[in-house]
Amino acid sequence: MLQLSIRDCLKKAEAKLKFTDEPRLSAIILMAHLLNQTKTWVLAYSEETLSESQYQAFFALVERLAGGEPLPYITGKQSFYGLDFKVNPAVLIPRPETELLVDKALKWLQDQPDEKQILDVGTGSGCIAISLAKNSPSHPIRAIDISESALKIAAENAKTHGVENRISFVQANLLENFKGKVDLICANLPYIPTTSLANLDVIKWEPGLALDGGMDGLFLIRQLLEQSQRHLNVPGLILLEIDSMTGESALNLARHFYPNADIHLLKDLAAKSRLLRIEVLK
């Protein structure tokens, strides 16, 4: 076989990936993953040649990506809030827009004078709970998910980032059988309307359990808001990521369950309504 350099392989891969987002960057990431090196190393040593087995393995990865499989599932990791999280098809891939929720949670926690109890509902990979634990180390956190497989991934991620002793992981359906009260409830629950989901490529790869929000996209959010009334301390805060198309409906739900709360819809970097903020004051 004609030996090809890393640079030549990247060019060939980029051509195969031309219909994907950021084909060159994706090719570099796949090469770094294959060689267990950094992206910087790949570029610095681009004249190095691949063995035949490495060549075959690299282009097998390229074909998977060209076929639509998400890059984080191929590499097994995704960056979120400056941390790398292990991911697989049992968990939703963390999205940049969810960092807004973490930002607002940390801001609120910084303004509080004492220790607060935090609850992350539908934790998935654990990205929200772990990001909070890393950046606000004085507050105990409980993280809930209905999926045992997701909780295993979340626990691995917590151990990787050294916060396994700060987060309690519990398998449960929302707040069913939950005991006690908390000061901050965070949740990125499934919020895509069922009718919209069938038209999205994401359903081919990511777990439907983490995507399907019912007919109006608010089925689980509605349940959580109803349940949360028994478990939220006063003062307290609820932060819920939502589908941008359901903003007004989400606002109305929040006003129904918390008529005296300070309620706002916050926009993400794309100027889309993304976060429902409910603050219950004394």
Protein backbone atom coordinates (compact mmCIF):
# COMPACT_ATOMS: atom_id res chain seq x y z
CA MET A 1 0.00 0.00 0.00
CA LEU A 2 1.18 3.49 -0.80
CA GLN A 3 1.91 5.09 2.52
CA LEU A 4 0.16 8.39 3.09
CA SER A 5 1.19 11.10 5.48
CA ILE A 6 -1.14 12.42 8.14
CA ARG A 7 -1.48 15.59 6.04
CA ASP A 8 -2.54 13.62 2.94
CA CYS A 9 -5.01 11.55 4.98
CA LEU A 10 -6.53 14.69 6.42
CA LYS A 11 -6.99 16.17 2.95
CA LYS A 12 -8.62 12.98 1.72
CA ALA A 13 -10.88 12.85 4.77
CA GLU A 14 -11.83 16.49 4.40
CA ALA A 15 -13.06 15.77 0.87
CA LYS A 16 -15.18 12.87 2.13
CA LEU A 17 -16.62 15.05 4.89
CA LYS A 18 -17.36 18.11 2.76
CA PHE A 19 -21.11 17.85 3.40
CA THR A 20 -20.65 17.89 7.20
CA ASP A 21 -20.03 20.83 9.50
CA GLU A 22 -16.38 21.85 9.79
CA PRO A 23 -14.93 18.97 7.73
CA ARG A 24 -11.25 19.86 8.32
CA LEU A 25 -11.63 20.26 12.08
CA SER A 26 -13.61 17.01 12.26
CA ALA A 27 -10.88 15.17 10.35
CA ILE A 28 -8.22 16.51 12.71
CA ILE A 29 -10.27 15.46 15.75
CA LEU A 30 -10.71 11.95 14.36
CA MET A 31 -7.00 11.68 13.64
CA ALA A 32 -6.12 12.88 17.14
CA HIS A 33 -8.56 10.35 18.58
CA LEU A 34 -7.11 7.51 16.53
CA LEU A 35 -3.52 8.32 17.46
CA ASN A 36 -4.32 9.27 21.07
CA GLN A 37 -2.68 12.63 20.52
CA THR A 38 -3.76 16.27 20.70
CA LYS A 39 -4.98 18.26 17.71
CA THR A 40 -1.83 20.37 18.03
CA TRP A 41 0.34 17.25 17.74
CA VAL A 42 -1.51 16.12 14.62
CA LEU A 43 -0.81 19.44 12.91
CA ALA A 44 2.79 19.63 14.11
CA TYR A 45 3.64 16.12 12.92
CA SER A 46 1.52 16.06 9.79
CA GLU A 47 4.41 14.64 7.72
CA GLU A 48 4.38 11.43 9.76
CA THR A 49 2.95 8.43 7.88
CA LEU A 50 0.24 6.05 8.98
CA SER A 51 0.58 2.30 9.01
CA GLU A 52 -1.87 0.33 6.89
CA SER A 53 -3.93 -0.60 9.96
CA GLN A 54 -4.00 3.02 11.12
CA TYR A 55 -5.02 4.15 7.65
CA GLN A 56 -7.89 1.66 7.54
CA ALA A 57 -9.01 2.52 11.06
CA PHE A 58 -8.95 6.26 10.35
CA PHE A 59 -11.09 6.02 7.26
CA ALA A 60 -13.50 3.69 9.04
CA LEU A 61 -14.04 6.54 11.51
CA VAL A 62 -14.41 9.01 8.64
CA GLU A 63 -17.10 6.83 7.04
CA ARG A 64 -19.02 6.70 10.30
CA LEU A 65 -19.00 10.48 10.53
CA ALA A 66 -19.91 10.90 6.86
CA GLY A 67 -22.84 8.55 7.50
CA GLY A 68 -24.26 10.92 10.10
CA GLU A 69 -23.05 9.41 13.37
CA PRO A 70 -22.33 12.24 15.82
CA LEU A 71 -18.65 12.99 16.30
CA PRO A 72 -18.86 12.79 20.14
CA TYR A 73 -20.22 9.24 19.94
CA ILE A 74 -17.33 8.27 17.66
CA THR A 75 -14.66 9.77 19.92
CA GLY A 76 -16.56 8.94 23.11
CA LYS A 77 -16.31 12.43 24.57
CA GLN A 78 -17.73 15.93 24.41
CA SER A 79 -16.51 19.20 25.86
CA PHE A 80 -18.89 21.15 28.12
CA TYR A 81 -18.14 24.11 30.36
CA GLY A 82 -14.41 23.59 29.88
CA LEU A 83 -14.52 19.91 30.86
CA ASP A 84 -14.45 16.72 28.81
CA PHE A 85 -17.34 14.33 29.42
CA LYS A 86 -17.57 10.70 28.45
CA VAL A 87 -20.61 10.12 26.24
CA ASN A 88 -22.18 7.18 24.45
CA PRO A 89 -25.61 6.52 22.89
CA ALA A 90 -27.09 6.04 26.39
CA VAL A 91 -26.84 9.78 27.06
CA LEU A 92 -27.66 12.99 25.27
CA ILE A 93 -24.65 14.82 23.87
CA PRO A 94 -24.10 18.00 25.95
CA ARG A 95 -24.85 21.16 23.95
CA PRO A 96 -23.22 24.60 24.26
CA GLU A 97 -26.61 26.24 24.88
CA THR A 98 -26.97 24.31 28.13
CA GLU A 99 -23.98 26.22 29.50
CA LEU A 100 -26.38 29.14 29.96
CA LEU A 101 -28.16 27.12 32.66
CA VAL A 102 -24.87 26.49 34.46
CA ASP A 103 -23.94 30.18 34.19
CA LYS A 104 -27.19 31.30 35.80
CA ALA A 105 -27.04 28.64 38.50
CA LEU A 106 -23.51 29.62 39.48
CA LYS A 107 -24.42 33.31 39.52
CA TRP A 108 -27.31 32.64 41.89
CA LEU A 109 -25.19 30.42 44.13
CA GLN A 110 -22.48 33.08 44.34
CA ASP A 111 -25.05 35.56 45.63
CA GLN A 112 -26.21 33.24 48.43
CA PRO A 113 -24.71 33.65 51.90
CA ASP A 114 -24.87 30.02 52.98
CA GLU A 115 -24.79 26.42 51.73
CA LYS A 116 -27.52 25.46 49.30
CA GLN A 117 -28.94 22.06 48.39
CA ILE A 118 -28.86 21.47 44.62
CA LEU A 119 -30.92 19.01 42.58
CA ASP A 120 -30.18 18.14 38.93
CA VAL A 121 -33.13 16.33 37.38
CA GLY A 122 -32.51 14.26 34.24
CA THR A 123 -28.76 14.42 34.70
CA GLY A 124 -27.79 12.32 31.67
CA SER A 125 -24.00 12.49 31.34
CA GLY A 126 -23.88 14.52 34.55
CA CYS A 127 -22.59 17.60 32.75
CA ILE A 128 -24.71 20.11 34.69
CA ALA A 129 -24.18 18.61 38.14
CA ILE A 130 -20.45 18.06 37.61
CA SER A 131 -19.90 21.55 36.18
CA LEU A 132 -21.64 23.02 39.22
CA ALA A 133 -19.60 20.86 41.59
CA LYS A 134 -16.33 21.88 39.95
CA ASN A 135 -17.14 25.59 39.96
CA SER A 136 -19.06 25.94 43.23
CA PRO A 137 -17.54 23.37 45.58
CA SER A 138 -19.38 24.19 48.80
CA HIS A 139 -22.86 22.99 47.84
CA PRO A 140 -24.08 19.35 48.04
CA ILE A 141 -25.70 18.04 44.85
CA ARG A 142 -28.15 15.26 44.12
CA ALA A 143 -28.56 14.11 40.52
CA ILE A 144 -31.53 12.10 39.27
CA ASP A 145 -32.11 10.15 36.08
CA ILE A 146 -34.57 7.44 35.08
CA SER A 147 -31.90 5.62 33.04
CA GLU A 148 -29.52 3.29 34.86
CA SER A 149 -27.16 3.37 31.87
CA ALA A 150 -27.03 7.17 31.94
CA LEU A 151 -26.30 7.18 35.67
CA LYS A 152 -23.34 4.85 35.14
CA ILE A 153 -21.87 7.30 32.63
CA ALA A 154 -22.56 10.24 34.95
CA ALA A 155 -20.86 8.47 37.85
CA GLU A 156 -17.80 7.76 35.68
CA ASN A 157 -17.64 11.42 34.68
CA ALA A 158 -17.92 12.53 38.30
CA LYS A 159 -15.01 10.27 39.24
CA THR A 160 -12.93 11.53 36.31
CA HIS A 161 -13.37 15.10 37.52
CA GLY A 162 -12.84 14.31 41.19
CA VAL A 163 -16.31 15.21 42.44
CA GLU A 164 -17.73 11.72 43.03
CA ASN A 165 -17.96 12.39 46.79
CA ARG A 166 -19.91 15.60 46.25
CA ILE A 167 -22.71 14.26 44.05
CA SER A 168 -25.29 11.63 44.98
CA PHE A 169 -26.70 9.84 41.92
CA VAL A 170 -30.22 8.41 42.20
CA GLN A 171 -32.32 6.43 39.73
CA ALA A 172 -35.85 7.81 39.73
CA ASN A 173 -38.61 9.14 37.51
CA LEU A 174 -38.41 12.90 38.12
CA LEU A 175 -39.24 13.59 41.79
CA GLU A 176 -41.24 10.44 42.48
CA ASN A 177 -40.27 9.18 45.96
CA PHE A 178 -37.94 12.14 46.46
CA LYS A 179 -37.54 13.12 50.10
CA GLY A 180 -36.70 16.49 51.56
CA LYS A 181 -36.31 19.98 50.17
CA VAL A 182 -33.74 21.74 48.01
CA ASP A 183 -32.85 25.33 47.20
CA LEU A 184 -31.96 25.02 43.51
CA ILE A 185 -33.53 22.72 40.92
CA CYS A 186 -31.81 22.44 37.53
CA ALA A 187 -33.18 20.38 34.68
CA ASN A 188 -32.53 19.81 31.00
CA LEU A 189 -35.42 17.45 30.44
CA PRO A 190 -36.62 16.06 27.10
CA TYR A 191 -38.45 18.95 25.43
CA ILE A 192 -38.78 18.22 21.72
CA PRO A 193 -42.45 17.74 20.73
CA THR A 194 -43.11 14.15 19.64
CA THR A 195 -44.42 15.25 16.25
CA SER A 196 -41.23 17.23 15.54
CA LEU A 197 -38.90 14.47 16.66
CA ALA A 198 -39.65 12.16 13.76
CA ASN A 199 -38.30 14.78 11.33
CA LEU A 200 -34.98 15.28 13.13
CA ASP A 201 -31.82 13.32 12.35
CA VAL A 202 -30.89 13.40 16.04
CA ILE A 203 -33.44 10.68 16.83
CA LYS A 204 -31.41 8.21 14.73
CA TRP A 205 -28.49 8.42 17.13
CA GLU A 206 -29.36 9.95 20.50
CA PRO A 207 -31.67 8.28 23.05
CA GLY A 208 -35.34 9.00 22.45
CA LEU A 209 -35.85 8.88 26.21
CA ALA A 210 -33.70 12.02 26.48
CA LEU A 211 -35.40 13.85 23.62
CA ASP A 212 -39.15 13.18 23.55
CA GLY A 213 -41.05 15.87 25.44
CA GLY A 214 -44.54 14.62 24.63
CA MET A 215 -47.07 16.13 22.27
CA ASP A 216 -46.40 19.74 23.28
CA GLY A 217 -42.79 19.34 24.37
CA LEU A 218 -43.74 20.21 27.95
CA PHE A 219 -45.00 16.89 29.31
CA LEU A 220 -42.09 16.26 31.69
CA ILE A 221 -41.56 19.93 32.47
CA ARG A 222 -45.21 20.14 33.53
CA GLN A 223 -44.78 17.14 35.82
CA LEU A 224 -41.60 18.51 37.35
CA LEU A 225 -43.12 21.92 38.05
CA GLU A 226 -46.08 20.29 39.78
CA GLN A 227 -43.85 18.00 41.86
CA SER A 228 -41.32 20.72 42.68
CA GLN A 229 -43.83 22.72 44.72
CA ARG A 230 -43.43 20.19 47.55
CA HIS A 231 -39.64 20.20 47.46
CA LEU A 232 -38.44 23.74 46.75
CA ASN A 233 -37.36 25.85 49.68
CA VAL A 234 -38.34 29.52 49.91
CA PRO A 235 -36.39 31.40 48.74
CA GLY A 236 -35.45 29.04 45.93
CA LEU A 237 -34.69 28.87 42.23
CA ILE A 238 -35.70 26.61 39.33
CA LEU A 239 -33.79 26.66 36.02
CA LEU A 240 -35.29 24.68 33.13
CA GLU A 241 -33.95 24.42 29.60
CA ILE A 242 -36.79 24.54 27.07
CA ASP A 243 -37.47 24.33 23.36
CA SER A 244 -37.34 27.87 21.98
CA MET A 245 -40.67 27.29 20.21
CA THR A 246 -42.49 26.59 23.49
CA GLY A 247 -41.38 29.71 25.38
CA GLU A 248 -44.79 31.32 25.93
CA SER A 249 -46.40 28.02 26.89
CA ALA A 250 -43.59 27.34 29.35
CA LEU A 251 -44.05 30.81 30.86
CA ASN A 252 -47.77 30.17 31.33
CA LEU A 253 -47.03 26.84 33.03
CA ALA A 254 -44.59 28.47 35.40
CA ARG A 255 -47.10 31.20 36.28
CA HIS A 256 -49.74 28.57 36.95
CA PHE A 257 -47.63 26.61 39.43
CA TYR A 258 -45.73 29.60 40.86
CA PRO A 259 -48.07 32.60 40.55
CA ASN A 260 -46.08 34.75 42.98
CA ALA A 261 -42.60 33.95 41.66
CA ASP A 262 -40.23 36.10 39.65
CA ILE A 263 -40.33 34.38 36.25
CA HIS A 264 -38.28 35.10 33.12
CA LEU A 265 -37.39 33.56 29.78
CA LEU A 266 -33.68 33.92 29.04
CA LYS A 267 -32.18 33.81 25.57
CA ASP A 268 -29.14 31.81 24.44
CA LEU A 269 -26.29 33.11 22.26
CA ALA A 270 -28.44 32.53 19.17
CA ALA A 271 -31.08 34.87 20.65
CA LYS A 272 -33.53 31.99 21.10
CA SER A 273 -35.62 31.56 24.24
CA ARG A 274 -33.73 28.75 25.98
CA LEU A 275 -34.00 28.97 29.74
CA LEU A 276 -36.99 29.30 32.04
CA ARG A 277 -35.96 30.96 35.31
CA ILE A 278 -38.34 30.75 38.26
CA GLU A 279 -37.25 32.43 41.48
CA VAL A 280 -39.46 32.05 44.53
CA LEU A 281 -38.81 34.85 46.99
CA LYS A 282 -39.87 35.33 50.59
